[in-house]
C-alpha atoms as a PDB file:
ATOM      1  CA  MET A   1     -11.504 -45.191   0.497  1.00  0.00           C
ATOM      2  CA  ALA A   2      -8.839 -42.572   0.138  1.00  0.00           C
ATOM      3  CA  SER A   3      -5.415 -43.673  -1.198  1.00  0.00           C
ATOM      4  CA  GLU A   4      -2.527 -43.892   1.335  1.00  0.00           C
ATOM      5  CA  SER A   5      -0.280 -40.871   1.394  1.00  0.00           C
ATOM      6  CA  PRO A   6       3.322 -41.920   0.785  1.00  0.00           C
ATOM      7  CA  THR A   7       5.531 -42.444   3.774  1.00  0.00           C
ATOM      8  CA  ALA A   8       8.774 -40.308   4.049  1.00  0.00           C
ATOM      9  CA  VAL A   9      10.989 -43.372   3.251  1.00  0.00           C
ATOM     10  CA  ARG A  10       8.915 -44.053   0.036  1.00  0.00           C
ATOM     11  CA  PHE A  11       8.903 -40.451  -0.910  1.00  0.00           C
ATOM     12  CA  PHE A  12      12.615 -40.039  -0.622  1.00  0.00           C
ATOM     13  CA  SER A  13      13.877 -43.484  -1.752  1.00  0.00           C
ATOM     14  CA  VAL A  14      11.225 -44.585  -4.489  1.00  0.00           C
ATOM     15  CA  GLU A  15       9.624 -41.524  -5.806  1.00  0.00           C
ATOM     16  CA  HIS A  16      12.698 -39.218  -5.572  1.00  0.00           C
ATOM     17  CA  PRO A  17      15.937 -41.257  -5.753  1.00  0.00           C
ATOM     18  CA  HIS A  18      18.210 -38.254  -5.652  1.00  0.00           C
ATOM     19  CA  LEU A  19      16.813 -36.853  -2.433  1.00  0.00           C
ATOM     20  CA  PRO A  20      18.574 -39.069   0.032  1.00  0.00           C
ATOM     21  CA  ARG A  21      21.948 -37.837  -1.335  1.00  0.00           C
ATOM     22  CA  ASN A  22      20.802 -34.269  -1.311  1.00  0.00           C
ATOM     23  CA  LEU A  23      19.340 -34.670   2.104  1.00  0.00           C
ATOM     24  CA  ARG A  24      22.447 -36.231   3.404  1.00  0.00           C
ATOM     25  CA  ALA A  25      24.547 -33.407   2.048  1.00  0.00           C
ATOM     26  CA  LYS A  26      22.364 -30.890   3.911  1.00  0.00           C
ATOM     27  CA  LEU A  27      22.560 -32.883   7.046  1.00  0.00           C
ATOM     28  CA  GLU A  28      26.424 -33.179   6.924  1.00  0.00           C
ATOM     29  CA  GLN A  29      26.668 -29.490   6.341  1.00  0.00           C
ATOM     30  CA  ARG A  30      24.544 -28.700   9.335  1.00  0.00           C
ATOM     31  CA  CYS A  31      26.491 -31.231  11.466  1.00  0.00           C
ATOM     32  CA  GLU A  32      29.725 -29.549  10.488  1.00  0.00           C
ATOM     33  CA  GLN A  33      28.309 -26.190  11.433  1.00  0.00           C
ATOM     34  CA  LEU A  34      27.351 -27.508  14.892  1.00  0.00           C
ATOM     35  CA  VAL A  35      30.703 -29.303  15.438  1.00  0.00           C
ATOM     36  CA  GLY A  36      32.385 -25.968  14.586  1.00  0.00           C
ATOM     37  CA  GLN A  37      30.206 -24.041  17.102  1.00  0.00           C
ATOM     38  CA  VAL A  38      30.883 -26.581  19.840  1.00  0.00           C
ATOM     39  CA  GLY A  39      34.579 -26.576  19.099  1.00  0.00           C
ATOM     40  CA  GLY A  40      34.495 -22.750  18.983  1.00  0.00           C
ATOM     41  CA  GLY A  41      32.936 -22.554  22.388  1.00  0.00           C
ATOM     42  CA  TYR A  42      29.586 -21.198  21.247  1.00  0.00           C
ATOM     43  CA  ALA A  43      27.665 -23.002  23.928  1.00  0.00           C
ATOM     44  CA  SER A  44      26.340 -20.615  26.707  1.00  0.00           C
ATOM     45  CA  ASP A  45      26.191 -23.262  29.435  1.00  0.00           C
ATOM     46  CA  TRP A  46      26.322 -26.975  30.076  1.00  0.00           C
ATOM     47  CA  ALA A  47      22.707 -27.583  29.192  1.00  0.00           C
ATOM     48  CA  ASP A  48      23.347 -25.800  25.769  1.00  0.00           C
ATOM     49  CA  TYR A  49      26.389 -27.871  25.194  1.00  0.00           C
ATOM     50  CA  LYS A  50      24.555 -31.092  25.862  1.00  0.00           C
ATOM     51  CA  GLU A  51      21.727 -30.082  23.604  1.00  0.00           C
ATOM     52  CA  ARG A  52      24.168 -29.281  20.797  1.00  0.00           C
ATOM     53  CA  ILE A  53      25.886 -32.640  21.266  1.00  0.00           C
ATOM     54  CA  GLY A  54      22.541 -34.372  21.221  1.00  0.00           C
ATOM     55  CA  VAL A  55      21.621 -32.636  17.944  1.00  0.00           C
ATOM     56  CA  ILE A  56      24.960 -33.640  16.410  1.00  0.00           C
ATOM     57  CA  LYS A  57      24.431 -37.301  17.460  1.00  0.00           C
ATOM     58  CA  GLY A  58      20.933 -37.249  15.797  1.00  0.00           C
ATOM     59  CA  LEU A  59      22.307 -35.792  12.645  1.00  0.00           C
ATOM     60  CA  ILE A  60      25.058 -38.330  12.396  1.00  0.00           C
ATOM     61  CA  GLU A  61      22.368 -41.179  12.828  1.00  0.00           C
ATOM     62  CA  ALA A  62      20.173 -39.507  10.088  1.00  0.00           C
ATOM     63  CA  ILE A  63      23.221 -39.319   7.787  1.00  0.00           C
ATOM     64  CA  ALA A  64      23.806 -43.013   8.367  1.00  0.00           C
ATOM     65  CA  ILE A  65      20.195 -43.730   7.389  1.00  0.00           C
ATOM     66  CA  CYS A  66      20.559 -41.702   4.357  1.00  0.00           C
ATOM     67  CA  GLU A  67      23.607 -43.738   3.426  1.00  0.00           C
ATOM     68  CA  GLU A  68      21.703 -46.973   3.907  1.00  0.00           C
ATOM     69  CA  VAL A  69      18.968 -45.815   1.646  1.00  0.00           C
ATOM     70  CA  GLU A  70      21.511 -44.686  -0.952  1.00  0.00           C
ATOM     71  CA  LYS A  71      23.149 -48.296  -0.809  1.00  0.00           C
ATOM     72  CA  GLU A  72      19.694 -49.875  -1.118  1.00  0.00           C
ATOM     73  CA  LEU A  73      18.896 -47.862  -4.202  1.00  0.00           C
ATOM     74  CA  THR A  74      22.269 -48.516  -5.907  1.00  0.00           C
ATOM     75  CA  GLY A  75      22.136 -52.154  -5.016  1.00  0.00           C
ATOM     76  CA  GLU A  76      25.384 -51.924  -2.900  1.00  0.00           C
ATOM     77  CA  GLY A  77      23.602 -52.841   0.389  1.00  0.00           C
END
């Protein structure tokens, strides 16, 4: 029987404990870019605007998950 491949959570939190912080920083950077684009009127129409807002919301949730993993790893959670 083949060994199980590591899940994303295990890969990021157990095998590479610095990745949640690095991933969070990249997600925050992308979120800031998109917020700037929305604020700067880059959306071409209402559908584009809604899509960008949805991506921003998803990034914010992913950032929160990274923060939870960081807290678990440091024992703060």
